[in-house]
Amino acid sequence: MIHLKYLLKRPLLAVPNKVVVVLFIIAILGFSDASFLTIEHYQNRIPPCTTAGCETVLTSQYATVFGVPVALLGMIYYLIISLGLFAHIEGKHEPSLRAVLLMTVCGFIMSIWFVGVQAFLIHSYCLYCLGSATISTVLFGSSVYVLKRYRA
């Protein structure tokens, strides 16, 4: 974690647009997944799933936080990531890129938590939730790569 703090403090060199666009596309995939689950939640439907785990996970007490669906929180997370990346693409706004890279740490930690909840508390897995956790992990890993590769 100390190494990550060090990377975040170093100024970034120019990050190529193609790298940021790839991150943007990945974030949009996460937004789509979370949006789908949010819509299904508010329509009181369980999305089609190849395993029985989706229903178990999505109707568990862990599917909401203070009455707010976790999928909606994920949707907001991916939207903020997407907007920050878009701001960087449009204006080479380094603070927005730094904020996005920092936020992926939070997303990754939350993904670890929710996968742990599925594994150890619910004992079922939701494929959509695992997809979101994978996307969040890829965003985090890519962010670490960007910080290492393009630091001054």
C-alpha atoms as a PDB file:
ATOM      1  CA  MET A   1       0.000   0.000   0.000  1.00  0.00           C
ATOM      2  CA  ILE A   2       2.911   2.336   0.694  1.00  0.00           C
ATOM      3  CA  HIS A   3       4.171   1.687  -2.826  1.00  0.00           C
ATOM      4  CA  LEU A   4       0.745   2.645  -4.227  1.00  0.00           C
ATOM      5  CA  LYS A   5       0.790   5.921  -2.250  1.00  0.00           C
ATOM      6  CA  TYR A   6       4.216   6.635  -3.719  1.00  0.00           C
ATOM      7  CA  LEU A   7       2.923   5.980  -7.247  1.00  0.00           C
ATOM      8  CA  LEU A   8      -0.074   8.252  -6.714  1.00  0.00           C
ATOM      9  CA  LYS A   9       2.117  11.163  -5.598  1.00  0.00           C
ATOM     10  CA  ARG A  10       4.373  11.040  -8.661  1.00  0.00           C
ATOM     11  CA  PRO A  11       3.300  13.191 -11.631  1.00  0.00           C
ATOM     12  CA  LEU A  12       2.148  11.309 -14.713  1.00  0.00           C
ATOM     13  CA  LEU A  13       3.697  11.592 -18.122  1.00  0.00           C
ATOM     14  CA  ALA A  14       1.330  11.855 -21.080  1.00  0.00           C
ATOM     15  CA  VAL A  15      -0.815   8.726 -21.037  1.00  0.00           C
ATOM     16  CA  PRO A  16      -1.718   7.723 -24.605  1.00  0.00           C
ATOM     17  CA  ASN A  17      -5.378   8.152 -25.498  1.00  0.00           C
ATOM     18  CA  LYS A  18      -5.646   4.532 -26.627  1.00  0.00           C
ATOM     19  CA  VAL A  19      -4.808   3.350 -23.092  1.00  0.00           C
ATOM     20  CA  VAL A  20      -7.431   5.634 -21.572  1.00  0.00           C
ATOM     21  CA  VAL A  21      -9.998   4.635 -24.227  1.00  0.00           C
ATOM     22  CA  VAL A  22      -9.491   0.953 -23.363  1.00  0.00           C
ATOM     23  CA  LEU A  23     -10.081   1.766 -19.680  1.00  0.00           C
ATOM     24  CA  PHE A  24     -13.158   3.769 -20.696  1.00  0.00           C
ATOM     25  CA  ILE A  25     -14.589   0.808 -22.640  1.00  0.00           C
ATOM     26  CA  ILE A  26     -13.969  -1.508 -19.688  1.00  0.00           C
ATOM     27  CA  ALA A  27     -15.719   0.968 -17.354  1.00  0.00           C
ATOM     28  CA  ILE A  28     -18.692   1.162 -19.743  1.00  0.00           C
ATOM     29  CA  LEU A  29     -18.945  -2.641 -19.626  1.00  0.00           C
ATOM     30  CA  GLY A  30     -19.067  -2.439 -15.832  1.00  0.00           C
ATOM     31  CA  PHE A  31     -21.668   0.313 -16.022  1.00  0.00           C
ATOM     32  CA  SER A  32     -23.790  -1.829 -18.359  1.00  0.00           C
ATOM     33  CA  ASP A  33     -23.612  -4.843 -16.055  1.00  0.00           C
ATOM     34  CA  ALA A  34     -24.470  -2.822 -12.950  1.00  0.00           C
ATOM     35  CA  SER A  35     -27.245  -0.949 -14.777  1.00  0.00           C
ATOM     36  CA  PHE A  36     -28.829  -4.216 -15.879  1.00  0.00           C
ATOM     37  CA  LEU A  37     -28.811  -5.530 -12.315  1.00  0.00           C
ATOM     38  CA  THR A  38     -30.199  -2.232 -10.994  1.00  0.00           C
ATOM     39  CA  ILE A  39     -33.075  -2.288 -13.482  1.00  0.00           C
ATOM     40  CA  GLU A  40     -33.828  -5.919 -12.643  1.00  0.00           C
ATOM     41  CA  HIS A  41     -33.797  -5.048  -8.928  1.00  0.00           C
ATOM     42  CA  TYR A  42     -36.313  -2.230  -9.281  1.00  0.00           C
ATOM     43  CA  GLN A  43     -38.540  -4.384 -11.492  1.00  0.00           C
ATOM     44  CA  ASN A  44     -38.438  -7.118  -8.825  1.00  0.00           C
ATOM     45  CA  ARG A  45     -37.023  -9.617 -11.293  1.00  0.00           C
ATOM     46  CA  ILE A  46     -34.122 -11.996 -11.080  1.00  0.00           C
ATOM     47  CA  PRO A  47     -32.006 -11.871 -14.236  1.00  0.00           C
ATOM     48  CA  PRO A  48     -31.620 -15.052 -16.265  1.00  0.00           C
ATOM     49  CA  CYS A  49     -28.701 -17.039 -14.919  1.00  0.00           C
ATOM     50  CA  THR A  50     -27.115 -20.398 -15.663  1.00  0.00           C
ATOM     51  CA  THR A  51     -26.793 -21.135 -11.952  1.00  0.00           C
ATOM     52  CA  ALA A  52     -29.222 -20.873  -9.046  1.00  0.00           C
ATOM     53  CA  GLY A  53     -26.753 -18.618  -7.273  1.00  0.00           C
ATOM     54  CA  CYS A  54     -27.957 -15.385  -8.853  1.00  0.00           C
ATOM     55  CA  GLU A  55     -31.312 -15.513  -7.102  1.00  0.00           C
ATOM     56  CA  THR A  56     -29.727 -16.436  -3.779  1.00  0.00           C
ATOM     57  CA  VAL A  57     -27.191 -13.608  -3.959  1.00  0.00           C
ATOM     58  CA  LEU A  58     -29.507 -10.939  -5.375  1.00  0.00           C
ATOM     59  CA  THR A  59     -32.201 -11.551  -2.773  1.00  0.00           C
ATOM     60  CA  SER A  60     -29.831 -11.838   0.189  1.00  0.00           C
ATOM     61  CA  GLN A  61     -29.513  -9.234   2.921  1.00  0.00           C
ATOM     62  CA  TYR A  62     -26.161  -8.276   1.380  1.00  0.00           C
ATOM     63  CA  ALA A  63     -27.739  -7.132  -1.907  1.00  0.00           C
ATOM     64  CA  THR A  64     -28.591  -3.739  -0.387  1.00  0.00           C
ATOM     65  CA  VAL A  65     -26.767  -1.260   1.816  1.00  0.00           C
ATOM     66  CA  PHE A  66     -29.096   0.948   3.879  1.00  0.00           C
ATOM     67  CA  GLY A  67     -31.871   0.086   1.432  1.00  0.00           C
ATOM     68  CA  VAL A  68     -29.815   1.023  -1.644  1.00  0.00           C
ATOM     69  CA  PRO A  69     -29.096  -1.832  -4.061  1.00  0.00           C
ATOM     70  CA  VAL A  70     -25.400  -2.669  -4.308  1.00  0.00           C
ATOM     71  CA  ALA A  71     -25.890  -2.755  -8.091  1.00  0.00           C
ATOM     72  CA  LEU A  72     -26.929   0.913  -8.023  1.00  0.00           C
ATOM     73  CA  LEU A  73     -23.795   1.779  -6.059  1.00  0.00           C
ATOM     74  CA  GLY A  74     -21.782  -0.124  -8.663  1.00  0.00           C
ATOM     75  CA  MET A  75     -23.553   1.740 -11.439  1.00  0.00           C
ATOM     76  CA  ILE A  76     -22.648   5.081  -9.838  1.00  0.00           C
ATOM     77  CA  TYR A  77     -19.050   3.897  -9.346  1.00  0.00           C
ATOM     78  CA  TYR A  78     -18.645   2.898 -12.996  1.00  0.00           C
ATOM     79  CA  LEU A  79     -20.351   6.111 -14.146  1.00  0.00           C
ATOM     80  CA  ILE A  80     -17.900   8.244 -12.154  1.00  0.00           C
ATOM     81  CA  ILE A  81     -14.973   6.214 -13.513  1.00  0.00           C
ATOM     82  CA  SER A  82     -16.294   6.629 -17.070  1.00  0.00           C
ATOM     83  CA  LEU A  83     -16.829  10.368 -16.682  1.00  0.00           C
ATOM     84  CA  GLY A  84     -13.346  10.851 -15.235  1.00  0.00           C
ATOM     85  CA  LEU A  85     -11.779   8.917 -18.081  1.00  0.00           C
ATOM     86  CA  PHE A  86     -13.856  10.834 -20.617  1.00  0.00           C
ATOM     87  CA  ALA A  87     -12.746  14.135 -19.066  1.00  0.00           C
ATOM     88  CA  HIS A  88      -9.146  13.040 -19.448  1.00  0.00           C
ATOM     89  CA  ILE A  89      -9.660  11.969 -23.072  1.00  0.00           C
ATOM     90  CA  GLU A  90     -11.311  15.274 -23.952  1.00  0.00           C
ATOM     91  CA  GLY A  91      -9.043  17.662 -22.099  1.00  0.00           C
ATOM     92  CA  LYS A  92      -5.950  15.780 -20.910  1.00  0.00           C
ATOM     93  CA  HIS A  93      -7.126  16.633 -17.408  1.00  0.00           C
ATOM     94  CA  GLU A  94      -4.551  14.841 -15.230  1.00  0.00           C
ATOM     95  CA  PRO A  95      -6.390  15.351 -11.888  1.00  0.00           C
ATOM     96  CA  SER A  96      -9.423  13.490 -13.245  1.00  0.00           C
ATOM     97  CA  LEU A  97      -7.212  10.610 -14.377  1.00  0.00           C
ATOM     98  CA  ARG A  98      -5.501  10.514 -10.970  1.00  0.00           C
ATOM     99  CA  ALA A  99      -8.894  10.491  -9.232  1.00  0.00           C
ATOM    100  CA  VAL A 100     -10.049   7.609 -11.436  1.00  0.00           C
ATOM    101  CA  LEU A 101      -6.888   5.643 -10.749  1.00  0.00           C
ATOM    102  CA  LEU A 102      -7.344   6.176  -7.008  1.00  0.00           C
ATOM    103  CA  MET A 103     -11.040   5.223  -7.118  1.00  0.00           C
ATOM    104  CA  THR A 104     -10.209   1.875  -8.701  1.00  0.00           C
ATOM    105  CA  VAL A 105      -8.508   0.944  -5.421  1.00  0.00           C
ATOM    106  CA  CYS A 106     -11.838   1.404  -3.621  1.00  0.00           C
ATOM    107  CA  GLY A 107     -13.678  -0.562  -6.304  1.00  0.00           C
ATOM    108  CA  PHE A 108     -11.165  -3.397  -6.045  1.00  0.00           C
ATOM    109  CA  ILE A 109     -11.443  -3.546  -2.242  1.00  0.00           C
ATOM    110  CA  MET A 110     -15.242  -3.587  -2.465  1.00  0.00           C
ATOM    111  CA  SER A 111     -15.080  -6.344  -5.084  1.00  0.00           C
ATOM    112  CA  ILE A 112     -12.936  -8.460  -2.779  1.00  0.00           C
ATOM    113  CA  TRP A 113     -15.481  -7.881  -0.014  1.00  0.00           C
ATOM    114  CA  PHE A 114     -18.491  -8.840  -2.138  1.00  0.00           C
ATOM    115  CA  VAL A 115     -16.828 -11.938  -3.589  1.00  0.00           C
ATOM    116  CA  GLY A 116     -15.900 -12.926  -0.034  1.00  0.00           C
ATOM    117  CA  VAL A 117     -19.512 -12.434   1.055  1.00  0.00           C
ATOM    118  CA  GLN A 118     -20.669 -14.683  -1.779  1.00  0.00           C
ATOM    119  CA  ALA A 119     -18.080 -17.339  -0.954  1.00  0.00           C
ATOM    120  CA  PHE A 120     -18.162 -17.390   2.833  1.00  0.00           C
ATOM    121  CA  LEU A 121     -21.522 -15.969   3.958  1.00  0.00           C
ATOM    122  CA  ILE A 122     -24.025 -16.673   1.192  1.00  0.00           C
ATOM    123  CA  HIS A 123     -22.330 -19.788  -0.238  1.00  0.00           C
ATOM    124  CA  SER A 124     -23.646 -18.941  -3.717  1.00  0.00           C
ATOM    125  CA  TYR A 125     -22.334 -16.986  -6.655  1.00  0.00           C
ATOM    126  CA  CYS A 126     -24.007 -14.493  -8.968  1.00  0.00           C
ATOM    127  CA  LEU A 127     -22.394 -14.537 -12.410  1.00  0.00           C
ATOM    128  CA  TYR A 128     -23.272 -10.875 -13.001  1.00  0.00           C
ATOM    129  CA  CYS A 129     -21.697  -9.917  -9.675  1.00  0.00           C
ATOM    130  CA  LEU A 130     -18.573 -11.925 -10.457  1.00  0.00           C
ATOM    131  CA  GLY A 131     -18.441 -10.222 -13.852  1.00  0.00           C
ATOM    132  CA  SER A 132     -18.529  -6.839 -12.166  1.00  0.00           C
ATOM    133  CA  ALA A 133     -15.825  -7.920  -9.717  1.00  0.00           C
ATOM    134  CA  THR A 134     -13.684  -9.050 -12.644  1.00  0.00           C
ATOM    135  CA  ILE A 135     -14.182  -5.729 -14.419  1.00  0.00           C
ATOM    136  CA  SER A 136     -13.319  -3.833 -11.248  1.00  0.00           C
ATOM    137  CA  THR A 137     -10.188  -5.950 -10.798  1.00  0.00           C
ATOM    138  CA  VAL A 138      -9.126  -5.348 -14.406  1.00  0.00           C
ATOM    139  CA  LEU A 139      -9.624  -1.593 -13.917  1.00  0.00           C
ATOM    140  CA  PHE A 140      -7.506  -1.700 -10.765  1.00  0.00           C
ATOM    141  CA  GLY A 141      -4.756  -3.754 -12.370  1.00  0.00           C
ATOM    142  CA  SER A 142      -4.743  -1.464 -15.404  1.00  0.00           C
ATOM    143  CA  SER A 143      -4.561   1.571 -13.143  1.00  0.00           C
ATOM    144  CA  VAL A 144      -1.532   0.184 -11.349  1.00  0.00           C
ATOM    145  CA  TYR A 145       0.052  -0.494 -14.735  1.00  0.00           C
ATOM    146  CA  VAL A 146      -0.633   3.084 -15.882  1.00  0.00           C
ATOM    147  CA  LEU A 147       0.796   4.509 -12.663  1.00  0.00           C
ATOM    148  CA  LYS A 148       3.958   2.428 -13.009  1.00  0.00           C
ATOM    149  CA  ARG A 149       4.403   2.820 -16.756  1.00  0.00           C
ATOM    150  CA  TYR A 150       3.652   6.537 -17.107  1.00  0.00           C
ATOM    151  CA  ARG A 151       5.021   8.087 -13.923  1.00  0.00           C
ATOM    152  CA  ALA A 152       7.515  10.914 -14.242  1.00  0.00           C
END
